[in-house]
Every structure is written in structure tokens, then in C-alpha cells.
Amino acid sequence: MPEQLECHGSHVEAARRQAAEERLAGCARRLGIAARDVRVRVVDDPGGRSVVVSLRVHGVEIVRSSRKGASLEENLEVLAGHLTDLVRNLERRIETLEQALHGDGLQVLPGGASPHAGLRPNLYRGDMSLEQVQEKARRALRRVGRSWEDLRMTWDEAEGWARLRLRLPDGRHAEKTSTQQADWQRNLAALVLWLETRARAVERGVLADLPSALSAYLLPYGGAR
């Protein structure tokens, strides 16, 4: 189990903390890392108290913090959810570890590191309709102050790929393509689920802003077509 967060409160808060710690332990098991490679701590700084979670995997340290929540337990809950999303996206082969941590300044993985942190593939097998995928995308966009007009979805039924292109507040565009799922519908659904995780992380303050959250996928200025 990861290091426990020392805080005191109601039975409800204790249950929330335990559930979050169990999710972190689940991430560690899926990543095949030891308990000592997962750390949880509280940091006091001028902006308030933050919960910080760090995981060390394949020579790479993943560090995430949260302080927007109403309590330490809520912040831990947010981080556990975010890291679970990160692991799931790696399992779905929707992105690599480099892409997931690009906004942290990771440009090249250490020698011998697995692009997907050694996780086994667990591709998306859902059956959302196109209308359901579009509605989920709209909700994700609202989380980060973007509109439906800022997003372009394209796909190729014969080749099976799908692509999202999003216009950011500063006028740049981020573009991401998925090819690993079984068909274009599942590739599109997996992309929108990935976008939802990024938007949720920005909304909750785990990631600083949309450009940094999507930094691995930014097109050059003038690169939108």
C-alpha cells in the first residue's frame, strides 16, 4: 500500500481517504511497482496545503499535486482518480508515457524504459454511439471553457483511425490520432475519453492549463488545416 495520509476527520472522510488509497494501490499493482515507489505527503506553501502524490516507474517519477479541494481527503481523491486515468490511458495505448508527461518537461524516456510503463494492453471495448461520443466531448469542452466549434472530429472507416483537433484559447491547435483500437468508432470513443481525463485534470487544478495539458500534441502555429 502507498504511504498513508495522516489527517483526521469524520468517518466519511476516513472512508474517502481509504478508497483513494486503495485506488493508488491498484495503480501500483497495475504498474508492477513496489509500495515504496508510491509516496503521499502534505505540503504547506503560501497558497495553502497541498496533497502531493509521486510514483516512480521505469526510472521516471510522476508527481501530481492538488489543493483546490475542500479537504485533504478530497484532494487525495482527485489525485487518485487522475493517476487511475493516466494508467488507463497507457493501457489503452491512447498515449505513451512521454506524451502523458510531456507537460512536466519529460522529452525522452530513460534508456530501456517502456513507452507504456510495462502495462499490458487493455484496449477500449465499449459501444458508445456517435451521438453519445459527441455529447461526452461537449461536456469535456465545457469543463475547460471551449465550445463545440473549437473541436473537429475526423475518421476513416476503411482504415479504422480517428482524430481530434482542438483550438486552444491562444489560437494554437492540438491534434491527436488514435489507431490502436479495433475500429474507427472505438478509436474516436477512446480519444474523447482521453480528452475528458485531460479536461477534468485541468478543471480540478491537477494540470495547470489546457496548453500544458496538451503540450505533446500542439501543432506549430499555422499548422491547422
Protein backbone atom coordinates (compact mmCIF):
# COMPACT_ATOMS: atom_id res chain seq x y z
CA MET A 1 0.00 0.00 0.00
CA PRO A 2 1.17 3.59 -0.57
CA GLU A 3 2.23 5.71 2.34
CA GLN A 4 -0.91 6.80 4.22
CA LEU A 5 -2.02 10.42 4.52
CA GLU A 6 -2.16 11.47 8.16
CA CYS A 7 -5.28 13.56 8.61
CA HIS A 8 -8.23 13.45 10.95
CA GLY A 9 -11.92 13.93 10.33
CA SER A 10 -15.27 12.19 10.16
CA HIS A 11 -15.91 8.57 9.31
CA VAL A 12 -16.99 9.75 5.84
CA GLU A 13 -13.64 11.48 5.31
CA ALA A 14 -11.80 8.40 6.56
CA ALA A 15 -13.75 6.25 4.10
CA ARG A 16 -12.93 8.65 1.25
CA ARG A 17 -9.26 8.54 2.20
CA GLN A 18 -9.25 4.75 2.34
CA ALA A 19 -10.96 4.48 -1.05
CA ALA A 20 -8.39 6.86 -2.59
CA GLU A 21 -5.51 4.92 -1.07
CA GLU A 22 -6.94 1.69 -2.47
CA ARG A 23 -7.11 3.26 -5.94
CA LEU A 24 -3.46 4.30 -5.65
CA ALA A 25 -2.55 0.80 -4.56
CA GLY A 26 -4.42 -0.50 -7.60
CA CYS A 27 -2.36 1.80 -9.85
CA ALA A 28 0.82 0.47 -8.25
CA ARG A 29 -0.24 -3.14 -8.83
CA ARG A 30 -1.10 -2.48 -12.47
CA LEU A 31 2.24 -0.71 -12.95
CA GLY A 32 4.07 -3.53 -11.19
CA ILE A 33 5.81 -1.19 -8.75
CA ALA A 34 6.51 -1.62 -5.05
CA ALA A 35 4.76 0.25 -2.24
CA ARG A 36 7.95 2.23 -1.59
CA ASP A 37 7.64 3.68 -5.09
CA VAL A 38 4.36 5.42 -4.19
CA ARG A 39 4.53 8.39 -1.81
CA VAL A 40 1.75 10.57 -0.43
CA ARG A 41 2.53 13.70 1.54
CA VAL A 42 1.07 17.03 2.60
CA VAL A 43 2.97 20.17 1.64
CA ASP A 44 2.44 23.58 3.24
CA ASP A 45 3.14 26.53 1.00
CA PRO A 46 1.98 30.16 0.74
CA GLY A 47 -1.01 29.13 -1.35
CA GLY A 48 -2.29 26.65 1.23
CA ARG A 49 -1.95 22.95 1.94
CA SER A 50 -1.46 20.60 -0.98
CA VAL A 51 -1.57 16.84 -1.22
CA VAL A 52 1.28 15.52 -3.35
CA VAL A 53 1.43 12.00 -4.78
CA SER A 54 4.52 10.67 -6.53
CA LEU A 55 5.05 7.34 -8.28
CA ARG A 56 8.36 6.06 -9.58
CA VAL A 57 8.11 3.77 -12.58
CA HIS A 58 10.81 2.72 -15.07
CA GLY A 59 13.16 5.40 -13.79
CA VAL A 60 10.57 8.13 -14.27
CA GLU A 61 8.96 9.98 -11.38
CA ILE A 62 5.34 11.03 -11.84
CA VAL A 63 4.45 13.84 -9.43
CA ARG A 64 0.98 15.34 -9.11
CA SER A 65 -0.42 17.76 -6.53
CA SER A 66 -3.86 19.07 -5.66
CA ARG A 67 -5.10 21.79 -3.31
CA LYS A 68 -8.37 23.03 -4.82
CA GLY A 69 -10.44 20.54 -2.87
CA ALA A 70 -12.30 21.43 0.32
CA SER A 71 -10.27 18.92 2.35
CA LEU A 72 -7.09 16.86 2.24
CA GLU A 73 -9.22 13.80 1.63
CA GLU A 74 -10.88 15.38 -1.38
CA ASN A 75 -7.51 16.36 -2.81
CA LEU A 76 -6.22 12.82 -2.37
CA GLU A 77 -9.37 11.53 -4.05
CA VAL A 78 -8.78 13.83 -7.03
CA LEU A 79 -5.18 12.67 -7.40
CA ALA A 80 -6.08 9.01 -7.15
CA GLY A 81 -8.66 9.49 -9.89
CA HIS A 82 -6.21 11.37 -12.09
CA LEU A 83 -3.48 8.73 -11.76
CA THR A 84 -6.01 5.97 -12.44
CA ASP A 85 -6.94 7.83 -15.63
CA LEU A 86 -3.26 8.10 -16.57
CA VAL A 87 -2.73 4.36 -16.13
CA ARG A 88 -5.88 3.54 -18.09
CA ASN A 89 -4.80 5.74 -20.99
CA LEU A 90 -1.45 3.94 -21.11
CA GLU A 91 -3.21 0.57 -21.05
CA ARG A 92 -5.48 1.66 -23.89
CA ARG A 93 -2.40 2.65 -25.92
CA ILE A 94 -4.02 6.04 -26.41
CA GLU A 95 -0.70 7.67 -25.45
CA THR A 96 2.81 6.89 -24.29
CA LEU A 97 4.46 7.79 -21.01
CA GLU A 98 6.42 10.51 -22.83
CA GLN A 99 3.22 12.05 -24.16
CA ALA A 100 1.45 11.80 -20.81
CA LEU A 101 4.31 13.58 -19.02
CA HIS A 102 5.33 15.98 -21.78
CA GLY A 103 3.91 18.93 -19.86
CA ASP A 104 6.20 18.02 -16.95
CA GLY A 105 9.23 18.54 -19.17
CA LEU A 106 9.83 14.85 -19.99
CA GLN A 107 11.07 14.81 -23.57
CA VAL A 108 12.91 11.48 -23.73
CA LEU A 109 12.40 8.38 -21.61
CA PRO A 110 15.43 6.92 -19.81
CA GLY A 111 17.20 4.16 -21.73
CA GLY A 112 15.34 0.87 -21.52
CA ALA A 113 12.11 2.42 -20.24
CA SER A 114 8.87 1.05 -21.67
CA PRO A 115 6.81 3.56 -23.66
CA HIS A 116 3.70 2.32 -21.85
CA ALA A 117 5.32 1.75 -18.45
CA GLY A 118 5.30 -2.01 -18.96
CA LEU A 119 1.49 -2.14 -18.80
CA ARG A 120 -0.35 -4.82 -20.71
CA PRO A 121 -2.69 -3.59 -23.46
CA ASN A 122 -6.29 -3.17 -22.34
CA LEU A 123 -7.99 -1.53 -25.30
CA TYR A 124 -11.34 0.21 -25.28
CA ARG A 125 -14.15 -2.25 -25.95
CA GLY A 126 -17.20 -0.11 -25.29
CA ASP A 127 -20.00 0.57 -27.74
CA MET A 128 -20.87 4.25 -27.39
CA SER A 129 -22.84 5.63 -30.31
CA LEU A 130 -21.53 8.61 -32.26
CA GLU A 131 -24.16 10.79 -30.57
CA GLN A 132 -23.00 9.64 -27.12
CA VAL A 133 -19.38 10.31 -28.02
CA GLN A 134 -20.24 13.79 -29.26
CA GLU A 135 -22.18 14.62 -26.10
CA LYS A 136 -19.30 13.41 -23.93
CA ALA A 137 -16.96 15.62 -25.96
CA ARG A 138 -19.25 18.63 -25.43
CA ARG A 139 -19.22 18.09 -21.68
CA ALA A 140 -15.42 17.80 -21.66
CA LEU A 141 -15.11 21.03 -23.64
CA ARG A 142 -17.35 22.90 -21.21
CA ARG A 143 -15.05 21.91 -18.36
CA VAL A 144 -12.22 23.93 -19.93
CA GLY A 145 -14.13 26.80 -21.48
CA ARG A 146 -14.06 25.51 -25.05
CA SER A 147 -17.03 25.24 -27.38
CA TRP A 148 -18.16 22.58 -29.82
CA GLU A 149 -16.98 24.84 -32.65
CA ASP A 150 -13.40 24.58 -31.28
CA LEU A 151 -13.31 20.81 -31.85
CA ARG A 152 -13.03 18.91 -35.11
CA MET A 153 -13.55 15.16 -35.30
CA THR A 154 -12.42 13.17 -38.33
CA TRP A 155 -12.16 9.47 -39.02
CA ASP A 156 -11.61 6.92 -41.77
CA GLU A 157 -13.99 3.99 -41.70
CA ALA A 158 -11.90 1.86 -44.07
CA GLU A 159 -8.55 2.41 -42.33
CA GLY A 160 -10.09 2.49 -38.86
CA TRP A 161 -8.39 5.59 -37.44
CA ALA A 162 -9.94 8.62 -35.73
CA ARG A 163 -8.59 12.09 -34.98
CA LEU A 164 -9.39 15.09 -32.79
CA ARG A 165 -8.19 18.62 -33.43
CA LEU A 166 -8.88 21.25 -30.76
CA ARG A 167 -8.43 25.01 -31.00
CA LEU A 168 -6.90 26.36 -27.79
CA PRO A 169 -7.55 29.76 -26.18
CA ASP A 170 -4.29 31.18 -27.57
CA GLY A 171 -5.20 30.24 -31.15
CA ARG A 172 -2.95 27.21 -31.41
CA HIS A 173 -4.30 23.77 -32.21
CA ALA A 174 -3.71 20.39 -30.60
CA GLU A 175 -4.18 17.27 -32.69
CA LYS A 176 -4.32 13.65 -31.61
CA THR A 177 -4.91 10.49 -33.62
CA SER A 178 -5.86 7.03 -32.36
CA THR A 179 -5.20 3.87 -34.37
CA GLN A 180 -4.85 1.10 -31.79
CA GLN A 181 -8.50 0.32 -31.04
CA ALA A 182 -10.49 -2.20 -33.08
CA ASP A 183 -12.24 0.28 -35.42
CA TRP A 184 -12.83 3.97 -36.03
CA GLN A 185 -15.79 4.15 -33.61
CA ARG A 186 -13.73 2.79 -30.73
CA ASN A 187 -10.75 4.93 -31.69
CA LEU A 188 -12.98 8.01 -31.61
CA ALA A 189 -14.54 7.00 -28.29
CA ALA A 190 -11.11 6.34 -26.77
CA LEU A 191 -9.93 9.78 -27.92
CA VAL A 192 -12.90 11.53 -26.36
CA LEU A 193 -12.47 9.59 -23.11
CA TRP A 194 -8.82 10.68 -23.12
CA LEU A 195 -9.85 14.30 -23.74
CA GLU A 196 -12.27 14.03 -20.84
CA THR A 197 -9.46 12.97 -18.50
CA ARG A 198 -7.32 15.92 -19.56
CA ALA A 199 -10.20 18.38 -19.19
CA ARG A 200 -11.07 17.02 -15.75
CA ALA A 201 -7.44 17.36 -14.61
CA VAL A 202 -7.31 20.99 -15.77
CA GLU A 203 -10.67 21.80 -14.18
CA ARG A 204 -9.55 20.34 -10.86
CA GLY A 205 -6.16 22.06 -10.89
CA VAL A 206 -4.04 18.93 -11.22
CA LEU A 207 -2.74 20.18 -14.58
CA ALA A 208 -2.03 23.88 -14.92
CA ASP A 209 -3.94 24.73 -18.09
CA LEU A 210 -5.11 23.33 -21.39
CA PRO A 211 -1.97 24.17 -23.45
CA SER A 212 0.33 22.44 -20.95
CA ALA A 213 -2.08 19.50 -20.62
CA LEU A 214 -1.96 19.02 -24.40
CA SER A 215 1.64 20.12 -24.98
CA ALA A 216 2.66 16.80 -26.57
CA TYR A 217 0.08 17.32 -29.31
CA LEU A 218 0.46 21.00 -30.21
CA LEU A 219 0.69 21.82 -33.89
CA PRO A 220 3.04 24.60 -34.99
CA TYR A 221 1.41 27.99 -35.49
CA GLY A 222 -0.24 27.85 -38.87
CA GLY A 223 -0.27 24.06 -38.67
CA ALA A 224 -4.05 23.68 -38.56
CA ARG A 225 -5.54 22.52 -41.82
